[in-house]
């Protein structure tokens, strides 16, 4: 056994959503990402030069809501919130709740937002 290093968590998926309300200046949409991910949990072994990496594959569901507001003509601001749910974590001492939780995003976009 060796010393635990940082856990790397990457995931990808397909997302989609629906417009809940919209006008020329404001829009509100709800959507979800459905996908898979991997936890990479490297350990440092005795020599300090070699690495042993373990992978754990998980399912991810991330529903969310986004608010869009026009700032100027085709420039808009987006604010969003989501909650990531994971299942399939099998590392000793870790569980699904360790990789689930809320997140927020702020963005600026060009073009037209969903209407």
PDB file of N, CA and C in Angstrom:
ATOM      1  N   UNK A   1       0.838  -1.185   0.000  1.00  0.00           N
ATOM      2  CA  UNK A   1       0.000   0.000   0.000  1.00  0.00           C
ATOM      3  C   UNK A   1       0.874   1.235   0.000  1.00  0.00           C
ATOM      4  N   UNK A   2       0.331   2.333  -0.467  1.00  0.00           N
ATOM      5  CA  UNK A   2       1.079   3.581  -0.543  1.00  0.00           C
ATOM      6  C   UNK A   2       0.224   4.733  -0.083  1.00  0.00           C
ATOM      7  N   UNK A   3       0.646   5.920  -0.433  1.00  0.00           N
ATOM      8  CA  UNK A   3      -0.104   7.107  -0.057  1.00  0.00           C
ATOM      9  C   UNK A   3      -1.142   7.436  -1.125  1.00  0.00           C
ATOM     10  N   UNK A   4      -2.328   7.792  -0.660  1.00  0.00           N
ATOM     11  CA  UNK A   4      -3.385   8.178  -1.596  1.00  0.00           C
ATOM     12  C   UNK A   4      -3.066   9.543  -2.195  1.00  0.00           C
ATOM     13  N   UNK A   5      -3.381   9.718  -3.460  1.00  0.00           N
ATOM     14  CA  UNK A   5      -3.202  10.989  -4.150  1.00  0.00           C
ATOM     15  C   UNK A   5      -4.578  11.547  -4.490  1.00  0.00           C
ATOM     16  N   UNK A   6      -4.624  12.665  -5.170  1.00  0.00           N
ATOM     17  CA  UNK A   6      -5.895  13.282  -5.534  1.00  0.00           C
ATOM     18  C   UNK A   6      -6.724  12.361  -6.422  1.00  0.00           C
ATOM     19  N   UNK A   7      -8.017  12.369  -6.180  1.00  0.00           N
ATOM     20  CA  UNK A   7      -8.949  11.610  -7.014  1.00  0.00           C
ATOM     21  C   UNK A   7      -9.331  12.482  -8.202  1.00  0.00           C
ATOM     22  N   UNK A   8      -9.285  11.921  -9.391  1.00  0.00           N
ATOM     23  CA  UNK A   8      -9.711  12.624 -10.591  1.00  0.00           C
ATOM     24  C   UNK A   8     -11.078  12.079 -10.994  1.00  0.00           C
ATOM     25  N   UNK A   9     -12.022  12.979 -11.264  1.00  0.00           N
ATOM     26  CA  UNK A   9     -13.375  12.588 -11.631  1.00  0.00           C
ATOM     27  C   UNK A   9     -13.736  13.277 -12.940  1.00  0.00           C
ATOM     28  N   UNK A  10     -13.963  12.501 -13.970  1.00  0.00           N
ATOM     29  CA  UNK A  10     -14.350  13.014 -15.280  1.00  0.00           C
ATOM     30  C   UNK A  10     -15.621  12.307 -15.725  1.00  0.00           C
ATOM     31  N   UNK A  11     -16.509  13.062 -16.373  1.00  0.00           N
ATOM     32  CA  UNK A  11     -17.716  12.436 -16.895  1.00  0.00           C
ATOM     33  C   UNK A  11     -18.163  13.146 -18.166  1.00  0.00           C
ATOM     34  N   UNK A  12     -18.980  12.454 -18.942  1.00  0.00           N
ATOM     35  CA  UNK A  12     -19.504  12.989 -20.194  1.00  0.00           C
ATOM     36  C   UNK A  12     -20.896  12.420 -20.390  1.00  0.00           C
ATOM     37  N   UNK A  13     -21.646  13.025 -21.292  1.00  0.00           N
ATOM     38  CA  UNK A  13     -22.974  12.509 -21.536  1.00  0.00           C
ATOM     39  C   UNK A  13     -23.706  13.286 -22.600  1.00  0.00           C
ATOM     40  N   UNK A  14     -24.974  13.040 -22.669  1.00  0.00           N
ATOM     41  CA  UNK A  14     -25.871  13.694 -23.609  1.00  0.00           C
ATOM     42  C   UNK A  14     -26.800  14.580 -22.792  1.00  0.00           C
ATOM     43  N   UNK A  15     -26.978  15.801 -23.269  1.00  0.00           N
ATOM     44  CA  UNK A  15     -27.872  16.699 -22.543  1.00  0.00           C
ATOM     45  C   UNK A  15     -28.974  17.205 -23.466  1.00  0.00           C
ATOM     46  N   UNK A  16     -30.067  17.530 -22.849  1.00  0.00           N
ATOM     47  CA  UNK A  16     -31.199  18.077 -23.582  1.00  0.00           C
ATOM     48  C   UNK A  16     -32.047  18.886 -22.622  1.00  0.00           C
ATOM     49  N   UNK A  17     -32.920  19.695 -23.178  1.00  0.00           N
ATOM     50  CA  UNK A  17     -33.755  20.515 -22.315  1.00  0.00           C
ATOM     51  C   UNK A  17     -34.964  21.048 -23.038  1.00  0.00           C
ATOM     52  N   UNK A  18     -35.809  21.704 -22.258  1.00  0.00           N
ATOM     53  CA  UNK A  18     -37.034  22.305 -22.782  1.00  0.00           C
ATOM     54  C   UNK A  18     -37.146  23.735 -22.295  1.00  0.00           C
ATOM     55  N   UNK A  19     -37.652  24.582 -23.158  1.00  0.00           N
ATOM     56  CA  UNK A  19     -37.931  25.964 -22.795  1.00  0.00           C
ATOM     57  C   UNK A  19     -39.191  25.996 -21.938  1.00  0.00           C
ATOM     58  N   UNK A  20     -39.079  26.599 -20.755  1.00  0.00           N
ATOM     59  CA  UNK A  20     -40.234  26.714 -19.870  1.00  0.00           C
ATOM     60  C   UNK A  20     -40.988  28.010 -20.105  1.00  0.00           C
ATOM     61  N   UNK A  21     -40.248  29.092 -20.336  1.00  0.00           N
ATOM     62  CA  UNK A  21     -40.841  30.398 -20.602  1.00  0.00           C
ATOM     63  C   UNK A  21     -39.819  31.235 -21.341  1.00  0.00           C
ATOM     64  N   UNK A  22     -40.275  32.122 -22.212  1.00  0.00           N
ATOM     65  CA  UNK A  22     -39.327  32.936 -22.947  1.00  0.00           C
ATOM     66  C   UNK A  22     -39.948  34.154 -23.586  1.00  0.00           C
ATOM     67  N   UNK A  23     -39.132  35.176 -23.770  1.00  0.00           N
ATOM     68  CA  UNK A  23     -39.527  36.405 -24.456  1.00  0.00           C
ATOM     69  C   UNK A  23     -38.300  36.908 -25.198  1.00  0.00           C
ATOM     70  N   UNK A  24     -38.381  38.106 -25.753  1.00  0.00           N
ATOM     71  CA  UNK A  24     -37.235  38.686 -26.459  1.00  0.00           C
ATOM     72  C   UNK A  24     -36.055  38.945 -25.526  1.00  0.00           C
ATOM     73  N   UNK A  25     -36.336  39.245 -24.254  1.00  0.00           N
ATOM     74  CA  UNK A  25     -35.276  39.639 -23.327  1.00  0.00           C
ATOM     75  C   UNK A  25     -34.890  38.559 -22.323  1.00  0.00           C
ATOM     76  N   UNK A  26     -35.819  37.654 -21.989  1.00  0.00           N
ATOM     77  CA  UNK A  26     -35.580  36.665 -20.937  1.00  0.00           C
ATOM     78  C   UNK A  26     -36.047  35.284 -21.367  1.00  0.00           C
ATOM     79  N   UNK A  27     -35.391  34.254 -20.838  1.00  0.00           N
ATOM     80  CA  UNK A  27     -35.829  32.884 -21.096  1.00  0.00           C
ATOM     81  C   UNK A  27     -35.450  32.010 -19.905  1.00  0.00           C
ATOM     82  N   UNK A  28     -36.224  30.958 -19.693  1.00  0.00           N
ATOM     83  CA  UNK A  28     -35.994  29.996 -18.627  1.00  0.00           C
ATOM     84  C   UNK A  28     -36.126  28.605 -19.225  1.00  0.00           C
ATOM     85  N   UNK A  29     -35.143  27.748 -18.997  1.00  0.00           N
ATOM     86  CA  UNK A  29     -35.200  26.390 -19.527  1.00  0.00           C
ATOM     87  C   UNK A  29     -34.776  25.384 -18.459  1.00  0.00           C
ATOM     88  N   UNK A  30     -35.247  24.160 -18.630  1.00  0.00           N
ATOM     89  CA  UNK A  30     -34.870  23.065 -17.740  1.00  0.00           C
ATOM     90  C   UNK A  30     -34.356  21.924 -18.600  1.00  0.00           C
ATOM     91  N   UNK A  31     -33.354  21.227 -18.102  1.00  0.00           N
ATOM     92  CA  UNK A  31     -32.792  20.138 -18.868  1.00  0.00           C
ATOM     93  C   UNK A  31     -32.054  19.163 -17.984  1.00  0.00           C
ATOM     94  N   UNK A  32     -31.397  18.209 -18.611  1.00  0.00           N
ATOM     95  CA  UNK A  32     -30.688  17.191 -17.867  1.00  0.00           C
ATOM     96  C   UNK A  32     -29.546  16.620 -18.702  1.00  0.00           C
ATOM     97  N   UNK A  33     -28.495  16.220 -18.031  1.00  0.00           N
ATOM     98  CA  UNK A  33     -27.403  15.482 -18.646  1.00  0.00           C
ATOM     99  C   UNK A  33     -27.486  14.057 -18.125  1.00  0.00           C
ATOM    100  N   UNK A  34     -27.364  13.089 -19.022  1.00  0.00           N
ATOM    101  CA  UNK A  34     -27.323  11.679 -18.664  1.00  0.00           C
ATOM    102  C   UNK A  34     -26.027  11.132 -19.245  1.00  0.00           C
ATOM    103  N   UNK A  35     -25.204  10.515 -18.405  1.00  0.00           N
ATOM    104  CA  UNK A  35     -23.940  10.032 -18.926  1.00  0.00           C
ATOM    105  C   UNK A  35     -23.205   9.093 -18.009  1.00  0.00           C
ATOM    106  N   UNK A  36     -21.919   8.914 -18.326  1.00  0.00           N
ATOM    107  CA  UNK A  36     -21.047   8.018 -17.579  1.00  0.00           C
ATOM    108  C   UNK A  36     -19.766   8.750 -17.225  1.00  0.00           C
ATOM    109  N   UNK A  37     -19.108   8.264 -16.206  1.00  0.00           N
ATOM    110  CA  UNK A  37     -17.866   8.882 -15.794  1.00  0.00           C
ATOM    111  C   UNK A  37     -16.903   7.860 -15.222  1.00  0.00           C
ATOM    112  N   UNK A  38     -15.714   8.351 -14.890  1.00  0.00           N
ATOM    113  CA  UNK A  38     -14.686   7.496 -14.300  1.00  0.00           C
ATOM    114  C   UNK A  38     -13.985   8.240 -13.180  1.00  0.00           C
ATOM    115  N   UNK A  39     -13.744   7.523 -12.104  1.00  0.00           N
ATOM    116  CA  UNK A  39     -12.921   8.022 -11.008  1.00  0.00           C
ATOM    117  C   UNK A  39     -11.550   7.400 -11.178  1.00  0.00           C
ATOM    118  N   UNK A  40     -10.531   8.207 -11.157  1.00  0.00           N
ATOM    119  CA  UNK A  40      -9.161   7.734 -11.256  1.00  0.00           C
ATOM    120  C   UNK A  40      -8.531   7.995  -9.893  1.00  0.00           C
ATOM    121  N   UNK A  41      -8.101   6.947  -9.228  1.00  0.00           N
ATOM    122  CA  UNK A  41      -7.636   7.033  -7.851  1.00  0.00           C
ATOM    123  C   UNK A  41      -6.208   6.496  -7.763  1.00  0.00           C
ATOM    124  N   UNK A  42      -5.206   7.326  -8.147  1.00  0.00           N
ATOM    125  CA  UNK A  42      -3.831   6.827  -8.173  1.00  0.00           C
ATOM    126  C   UNK A  42      -3.221   6.690  -6.780  1.00  0.00           C
ATOM    127  N   UNK A  43      -2.366   5.701  -6.635  1.00  0.00           N
ATOM    128  CA  UNK A  43      -1.594   5.487  -5.412  1.00  0.00           C
ATOM    129  C   UNK A  43      -0.116   5.562  -5.745  1.00  0.00           C
ATOM    130  N   UNK A  44       0.680   6.139  -4.871  1.00  0.00           N
ATOM    131  CA  UNK A  44       2.133   6.155  -5.040  1.00  0.00           C
ATOM    132  C   UNK A  44       2.664   4.866  -4.419  1.00  0.00           C
ATOM    133  N   UNK A  45       3.453   4.108  -5.182  1.00  0.00           N
ATOM    134  CA  UNK A  45       4.004   2.854  -4.654  1.00  0.00           C
ATOM    135  C   UNK A  45       5.381   3.082  -4.060  1.00  0.00           C
ATOM    136  N   UNK A  46       5.980   2.052  -3.520  1.00  0.00           N
ATOM    137  CA  UNK A  46       7.197   2.137  -2.717  1.00  0.00           C
ATOM    138  C   UNK A  46       8.317   2.982  -3.300  1.00  0.00           C
ATOM    139  N   UNK A  47       8.629   2.842  -4.572  1.00  0.00           N
ATOM    140  CA  UNK A  47       9.773   3.540  -5.147  1.00  0.00           C
ATOM    141  C   UNK A  47       9.536   5.035  -5.293  1.00  0.00           C
ATOM    142  N   UNK A  48       8.267   5.443  -5.295  1.00  0.00           N
ATOM    143  CA  UNK A  48       7.957   6.853  -5.491  1.00  0.00           C
ATOM    144  C   UNK A  48       8.011   7.279  -6.948  1.00  0.00           C
ATOM    145  N   UNK A  49       8.370   6.367  -7.832  1.00  0.00           N
ATOM    146  CA  UNK A  49       8.475   6.694  -9.257  1.00  0.00           C
ATOM    147  C   UNK A  49       7.373   6.031 -10.073  1.00  0.00           C
ATOM    148  N   UNK A  50       6.917   4.880  -9.629  1.00  0.00           N
ATOM    149  CA  UNK A  50       5.892   4.148 -10.361  1.00  0.00           C
ATOM    150  C   UNK A  50       4.517   4.463  -9.787  1.00  0.00           C
ATOM    151  N   UNK A  51       3.488   4.341 -10.640  1.00  0.00           N
ATOM    152  CA  UNK A  51       2.125   4.632 -10.220  1.00  0.00           C
ATOM    153  C   UNK A  51       1.238   3.427 -10.483  1.00  0.00           C
ATOM    154  N   UNK A  52       0.372   3.156  -9.560  1.00  0.00           N
ATOM    155  CA  UNK A  52      -0.665   2.162  -9.750  1.00  0.00           C
ATOM    156  C   UNK A  52      -1.970   2.935  -9.756  1.00  0.00           C
ATOM    157  N   UNK A  53      -2.722   2.863 -10.831  1.00  0.00           N
ATOM    158  CA  UNK A  53      -3.973   3.613 -10.926  1.00  0.00           C
ATOM    159  C   UNK A  53      -5.156   2.658 -10.905  1.00  0.00           C
ATOM    160  N   UNK A  54      -6.175   3.038 -10.168  1.00  0.00           N
ATOM    161  CA  UNK A  54      -7.414   2.288 -10.107  1.00  0.00           C
ATOM    162  C   UNK A  54      -8.515   3.136 -10.723  1.00  0.00           C
ATOM    163  N   UNK A  55      -9.430   2.501 -11.435  1.00  0.00           N
ATOM    164  CA  UNK A  55     -10.549   3.208 -12.050  1.00  0.00           C
ATOM    165  C   UNK A  55     -11.857   2.648 -11.514  1.00  0.00           C
ATOM    166  N   UNK A  56     -12.816   3.516 -11.369  1.00  0.00           N
ATOM    167  CA  UNK A  56     -14.158   3.129 -10.979  1.00  0.00           C
ATOM    168  C   UNK A  56     -15.100   3.849 -11.938  1.00  0.00           C
ATOM    169  N   UNK A  57     -15.971   3.115 -12.598  1.00  0.00           N
ATOM    170  CA  UNK A  57     -16.880   3.704 -13.579  1.00  0.00           C
ATOM    171  C   UNK A  57     -18.241   3.943 -12.945  1.00  0.00           C
ATOM    172  N   UNK A  58     -18.820   5.114 -13.218  1.00  0.00           N
ATOM    173  CA  UNK A  58     -20.067   5.518 -12.574  1.00  0.00           C
ATOM    174  C   UNK A  58     -21.073   6.020 -13.598  1.00  0.00           C
ATOM    175  N   UNK A  59     -22.340   6.017 -13.205  1.00  0.00           N
ATOM    176  CA  UNK A  59     -23.440   6.592 -13.977  1.00  0.00           C
ATOM    177  C   UNK A  59     -23.720   7.971 -13.398  1.00  0.00           C
ATOM    178  N   UNK A  60     -23.996   8.957 -14.265  1.00  0.00           N
ATOM    179  CA  UNK A  60     -24.239  10.331 -13.831  1.00  0.00           C
ATOM    180  C   UNK A  60     -25.562  10.837 -14.408  1.00  0.00           C
ATOM    181  N   UNK A  61     -26.362  11.448 -13.543  1.00  0.00           N
ATOM    182  CA  UNK A  61     -27.589  12.130 -13.947  1.00  0.00           C
ATOM    183  C   UNK A  61     -27.520  13.526 -13.340  1.00  0.00           C
ATOM    184  N   UNK A  62     -27.640  14.565 -14.183  1.00  0.00           N
ATOM    185  CA  UNK A  62     -27.508  15.942 -13.697  1.00  0.00           C
ATOM    186  C   UNK A  62     -28.629  16.830 -14.240  1.00  0.00           C
ATOM    187  N   UNK A  63     -29.769  16.879 -13.521  1.00  0.00           N
ATOM    188  CA  UNK A  63     -30.841  17.789 -13.926  1.00  0.00           C
ATOM    189  C   UNK A  63     -30.503  19.223 -13.533  1.00  0.00           C
ATOM    190  N   UNK A  64     -30.992  20.174 -14.336  1.00  0.00           N
ATOM    191  CA  UNK A  64     -30.683  21.569 -14.032  1.00  0.00           C
ATOM    192  C   UNK A  64     -31.669  22.541 -14.636  1.00  0.00           C
ATOM    193  N   UNK A  65     -31.492  23.789 -14.281  1.00  0.00           N
ATOM    194  CA  UNK A  65     -32.331  24.869 -14.780  1.00  0.00           C
ATOM    195  C   UNK A  65     -31.426  26.034 -15.175  1.00  0.00           C
ATOM    196  N   UNK A  66     -31.772  26.728 -16.268  1.00  0.00           N
ATOM    197  CA  UNK A  66     -30.961  27.845 -16.774  1.00  0.00           C
ATOM    198  C   UNK A  66     -31.847  29.057 -17.030  1.00  0.00           C
ATOM    199  N   UNK A  67     -31.312  30.217 -16.714  1.00  0.00           N
ATOM    200  CA  UNK A  67     -31.975  31.496 -16.929  1.00  0.00           C
ATOM    201  C   UNK A  67     -31.113  32.296 -17.899  1.00  0.00           C
ATOM    202  N   UNK A  68     -31.716  32.860 -18.941  1.00  0.00           N
ATOM    203  CA  UNK A  68     -31.004  33.640 -19.957  1.00  0.00           C
ATOM    204  C   UNK A  68     -31.555  35.066 -19.977  1.00  0.00           C
ATOM    205  N   UNK A  69     -30.674  36.049 -20.053  1.00  0.00           N
ATOM    206  CA  UNK A  69     -31.105  37.451 -20.141  1.00  0.00           C
ATOM    207  C   UNK A  69     -30.279  38.163 -21.202  1.00  0.00           C
ATOM    208  N   UNK A  70     -30.958  38.863 -22.109  1.00  0.00           N
ATOM    209  CA  UNK A  70     -30.264  39.633 -23.131  1.00  0.00           C
ATOM    210  C   UNK A  70     -29.594  40.838 -22.481  1.00  0.00           C
ATOM    211  N   UNK A  71     -28.296  41.010 -22.771  1.00  0.00           N
ATOM    212  CA  UNK A  71     -27.551  42.159 -22.251  1.00  0.00           C
ATOM    213  C   UNK A  71     -27.549  43.278 -23.293  1.00  0.00           C
ATOM    214  N   UNK A  72     -27.254  42.911 -24.543  1.00  0.00           N
ATOM    215  CA  UNK A  72     -27.201  43.887 -25.627  1.00  0.00           C
ATOM    216  C   UNK A  72     -27.354  43.149 -26.948  1.00  0.00           C
ATOM    217  N   UNK A  73     -28.373  43.441 -27.706  1.00  0.00           N
ATOM    218  CA  UNK A  73     -28.670  42.840 -29.013  1.00  0.00           C
ATOM    219  C   UNK A  73     -28.455  41.327 -28.982  1.00  0.00           C
ATOM    220  N   UNK A  74     -27.365  40.798 -29.538  1.00  0.00           N
ATOM    221  CA  UNK A  74     -27.163  39.350 -29.581  1.00  0.00           C
ATOM    222  C   UNK A  74     -26.190  38.858 -28.497  1.00  0.00           C
ATOM    223  N   UNK A  75     -25.989  39.640 -27.464  1.00  0.00           N
ATOM    224  CA  UNK A  75     -25.137  39.259 -26.330  1.00  0.00           C
ATOM    225  C   UNK A  75     -26.046  38.937 -25.144  1.00  0.00           C
ATOM    226  N   UNK A  76     -25.858  37.744 -24.560  1.00  0.00           N
ATOM    227  CA  UNK A  76     -26.710  37.378 -23.431  1.00  0.00           C
ATOM    228  C   UNK A  76     -25.909  36.790 -22.285  1.00  0.00           C
ATOM    229  N   UNK A  77     -26.495  36.843 -21.110  1.00  0.00           N
ATOM    230  CA  UNK A  77     -25.927  36.300 -19.887  1.00  0.00           C
ATOM    231  C   UNK A  77     -26.750  35.080 -19.508  1.00  0.00           C
ATOM    232  N   UNK A  78     -26.076  34.017 -19.088  1.00  0.00           N
ATOM    233  CA  UNK A  78     -26.804  32.838 -18.621  1.00  0.00           C
ATOM    234  C   UNK A  78     -26.374  32.497 -17.201  1.00  0.00           C
ATOM    235  N   UNK A  79     -27.353  32.122 -16.397  1.00  0.00           N
ATOM    236  CA  UNK A  79     -27.135  31.675 -15.027  1.00  0.00           C
ATOM    237  C   UNK A  79     -27.822  30.326 -14.892  1.00  0.00           C
ATOM    238  N   UNK A  80     -27.122  29.356 -14.313  1.00  0.00           N
ATOM    239  CA  UNK A  80     -27.714  28.036 -14.194  1.00  0.00           C
ATOM    240  C   UNK A  80     -27.365  27.355 -12.884  1.00  0.00           C
ATOM    241  N   UNK A  81     -28.195  26.408 -12.523  1.00  0.00           N
ATOM    242  CA  UNK A  81     -27.964  25.589 -11.334  1.00  0.00           C
ATOM    243  C   UNK A  81     -28.354  24.153 -11.667  1.00  0.00           C
ATOM    244  N   UNK A  82     -27.599  23.206 -11.127  1.00  0.00           N
ATOM    245  CA  UNK A  82     -27.905  21.795 -11.359  1.00  0.00           C
ATOM    246  C   UNK A  82     -27.524  20.986 -10.127  1.00  0.00           C
ATOM    247  N   UNK A  83     -27.931  19.741 -10.126  1.00  0.00           N
ATOM    248  CA  UNK A  83     -27.565  18.823  -9.053  1.00  0.00           C
ATOM    249  C   UNK A  83     -27.081  17.527  -9.689  1.00  0.00           C
ATOM    250  N   UNK A  84     -25.825  17.159  -9.452  1.00  0.00           N
ATOM    251  CA  UNK A  84     -25.241  15.945 -10.029  1.00  0.00           C
ATOM    252  C   UNK A  84     -25.500  14.770  -9.103  1.00  0.00           C
ATOM    253  N   UNK A  85     -26.098  13.721  -9.644  1.00  0.00           N
ATOM    254  CA  UNK A  85     -26.328  12.470  -8.930  1.00  0.00           C
ATOM    255  C   UNK A  85     -25.436  11.407  -9.544  1.00  0.00           C
ATOM    256  N   UNK A  86     -24.666  10.703  -8.745  1.00  0.00           N
ATOM    257  CA  UNK A  86     -23.826   9.621  -9.244  1.00  0.00           C
ATOM    258  C   UNK A  86     -24.223   8.320  -8.574  1.00  0.00           C
ATOM    259  N   UNK A  87     -24.014   7.227  -9.281  1.00  0.00           N
ATOM    260  CA  UNK A  87     -24.234   5.905  -8.726  1.00  0.00           C
ATOM    261  C   UNK A  87     -23.172   4.962  -9.285  1.00  0.00           C
ATOM    262  N   UNK A  88     -22.730   4.038  -8.466  1.00  0.00           N
ATOM    263  CA  UNK A  88     -21.723   3.072  -8.898  1.00  0.00           C
ATOM    264  C   UNK A  88     -20.368   3.239  -8.247  1.00  0.00           C
ATOM    265  N   UNK A  89     -20.221   4.177  -7.307  1.00  0.00           N
ATOM    266  CA  UNK A  89     -18.943   4.367  -6.615  1.00  0.00           C
ATOM    267  C   UNK A  89     -18.701   3.170  -5.699  1.00  0.00           C
ATOM    268  N   UNK A  90     -17.551   2.513  -5.871  1.00  0.00           N
ATOM    269  CA  UNK A  90     -17.271   1.300  -5.102  1.00  0.00           C
ATOM    270  C   UNK A  90     -15.955   1.353  -4.338  1.00  0.00           C
ATOM    271  N   UNK A  91     -15.289   2.510  -4.274  1.00  0.00           N
ATOM    272  CA  UNK A  91     -14.049   2.607  -3.524  1.00  0.00           C
ATOM    273  C   UNK A  91     -14.320   2.513  -2.035  1.00  0.00           C
ATOM    274  N   UNK A  92     -13.433   1.833  -1.323  1.00  0.00           N
ATOM    275  CA  UNK A  92     -13.553   1.740   0.126  1.00  0.00           C
ATOM    276  C   UNK A  92     -13.404   3.126   0.735  1.00  0.00           C
ATOM    277  N   UNK A  93     -14.331   3.478   1.612  1.00  0.00           N
ATOM    278  CA  UNK A  93     -14.283   4.781   2.269  1.00  0.00           C
ATOM    279  C   UNK A  93     -14.962   5.894   1.485  1.00  0.00           C
ATOM    280  N   UNK A  94     -15.446   5.610   0.288  1.00  0.00           N
ATOM    281  CA  UNK A  94     -16.150   6.605  -0.534  1.00  0.00           C
ATOM    282  C   UNK A  94     -17.515   6.056  -0.917  1.00  0.00           C
ATOM    283  N   UNK A  95     -18.462   6.963  -1.165  1.00  0.00           N
ATOM    284  CA  UNK A  95     -19.766   6.513  -1.652  1.00  0.00           C
ATOM    285  C   UNK A  95     -20.317   7.490  -2.679  1.00  0.00           C
ATOM    286  N   UNK A  96     -21.490   7.199  -3.201  1.00  0.00           N
ATOM    287  CA  UNK A  96     -22.089   8.023  -4.251  1.00  0.00           C
ATOM    288  C   UNK A  96     -22.242   9.481  -3.831  1.00  0.00           C
ATOM    289  N   UNK A  97     -22.580   9.724  -2.572  1.00  0.00           N
ATOM    290  CA  UNK A  97     -22.798  11.090  -2.083  1.00  0.00           C
ATOM    291  C   UNK A  97     -21.523  11.930  -2.155  1.00  0.00           C
ATOM    292  N   UNK A  98     -20.359  11.297  -2.124  1.00  0.00           N
ATOM    293  CA  UNK A  98     -19.097  12.041  -2.212  1.00  0.00           C
ATOM    294  C   UNK A  98     -18.901  12.692  -3.572  1.00  0.00           C
ATOM    295  N   UNK A  99     -19.599  12.219  -4.602  1.00  0.00           N
ATOM    296  CA  UNK A  99     -19.446  12.753  -5.953  1.00  0.00           C
ATOM    297  C   UNK A  99     -20.750  13.334  -6.486  1.00  0.00           C
ATOM    298  N   UNK A 100     -21.728  13.466  -5.628  1.00  0.00           N
ATOM    299  CA  UNK A 100     -23.006  14.087  -5.963  1.00  0.00           C
ATOM    300  C   UNK A 100     -23.071  15.440  -5.270  1.00  0.00           C
ATOM    301  N   UNK A 101     -23.796  16.371  -5.862  1.00  0.00           N
ATOM    302  CA  UNK A 101     -23.952  17.664  -5.216  1.00  0.00           C
ATOM    303  C   UNK A 101     -24.360  18.754  -6.178  1.00  0.00           C
ATOM    304  N   UNK A 102     -24.655  19.922  -5.621  1.00  0.00           N
ATOM    305  CA  UNK A 102     -25.106  21.047  -6.444  1.00  0.00           C
ATOM    306  C   UNK A 102     -23.944  21.731  -7.159  1.00  0.00           C
ATOM    307  N   UNK A 103     -24.273  22.393  -8.261  1.00  0.00           N
ATOM    308  CA  UNK A 103     -23.283  23.213  -8.964  1.00  0.00           C
ATOM    309  C   UNK A 103     -23.998  24.405  -9.589  1.00  0.00           C
ATOM    310  N   UNK A 104     -23.234  25.421  -9.893  1.00  0.00           N
ATOM    311  CA  UNK A 104     -23.772  26.625 -10.512  1.00  0.00           C
ATOM    312  C   UNK A 104     -22.860  27.026 -11.660  1.00  0.00           C
ATOM    313  N   UNK A 105     -23.426  27.717 -12.637  1.00  0.00           N
ATOM    314  CA  UNK A 105     -22.648  28.162 -13.788  1.00  0.00           C
ATOM    315  C   UNK A 105     -23.106  29.569 -14.190  1.00  0.00           C
ATOM    316  N   UNK A 106     -22.155  30.379 -14.579  1.00  0.00           N
ATOM    317  CA  UNK A 106     -22.420  31.704 -15.116  1.00  0.00           C
ATOM    318  C   UNK A 106     -21.741  31.757 -16.482  1.00  0.00           C
ATOM    319  N   UNK A 107     -22.447  32.244 -17.485  1.00  0.00           N
ATOM    320  CA  UNK A 107     -21.871  32.306 -18.812  1.00  0.00           C
ATOM    321  C   UNK A 107     -22.304  33.525 -19.592  1.00  0.00           C
ATOM    322  N   UNK A 108     -21.550  33.813 -20.616  1.00  0.00           N
ATOM    323  CA  UNK A 108     -21.880  34.886 -21.554  1.00  0.00           C
ATOM    324  C   UNK A 108     -21.904  34.238 -22.940  1.00  0.00           C
ATOM    325  N   UNK A 109     -22.925  34.532 -23.708  1.00  0.00           N
ATOM    326  CA  UNK A 109     -23.038  33.951 -25.029  1.00  0.00           C
ATOM    327  C   UNK A 109     -23.358  34.978 -26.096  1.00  0.00           C
ATOM    328  N   UNK A 110     -23.102  34.588 -27.334  1.00  0.00           N
ATOM    329  CA  UNK A 110     -23.388  35.426 -28.491  1.00  0.00           C
ATOM    330  C   UNK A 110     -24.389  34.698 -29.376  1.00  0.00           C
ATOM    331  N   UNK A 111     -25.273  35.435 -29.983  1.00  0.00           N
ATOM    332  CA  UNK A 111     -26.290  34.839 -30.820  1.00  0.00           C
ATOM    333  C   UNK A 111     -27.628  34.971 -30.129  1.00  0.00           C
ATOM    334  N   UNK A 112     -28.516  34.053 -30.422  1.00  0.00           N
ATOM    335  CA  UNK A 112     -29.825  34.104 -29.779  1.00  0.00           C
ATOM    336  C   UNK A 112     -29.922  32.976 -28.757  1.00  0.00           C
ATOM    337  N   UNK A 113     -30.539  33.246 -27.652  1.00  0.00           N
ATOM    338  CA  UNK A 113     -30.732  32.208 -26.648  1.00  0.00           C
ATOM    339  C   UNK A 113     -32.038  31.484 -26.921  1.00  0.00           C
ATOM    340  N   UNK A 114     -32.257  30.347 -26.258  1.00  0.00           N
ATOM    341  CA  UNK A 114     -33.485  29.573 -26.527  1.00  0.00           C
ATOM    342  C   UNK A 114     -34.738  30.401 -26.291  1.00  0.00           C
ATOM    343  N   UNK A 115     -35.697  30.305 -27.216  1.00  0.00           N
ATOM    344  CA  UNK A 115     -36.988  31.007 -27.076  1.00  0.00           C
ATOM    345  C   UNK A 115     -38.115  30.051 -27.323  1.00  0.00           C
TER     346      UNK A 115
END
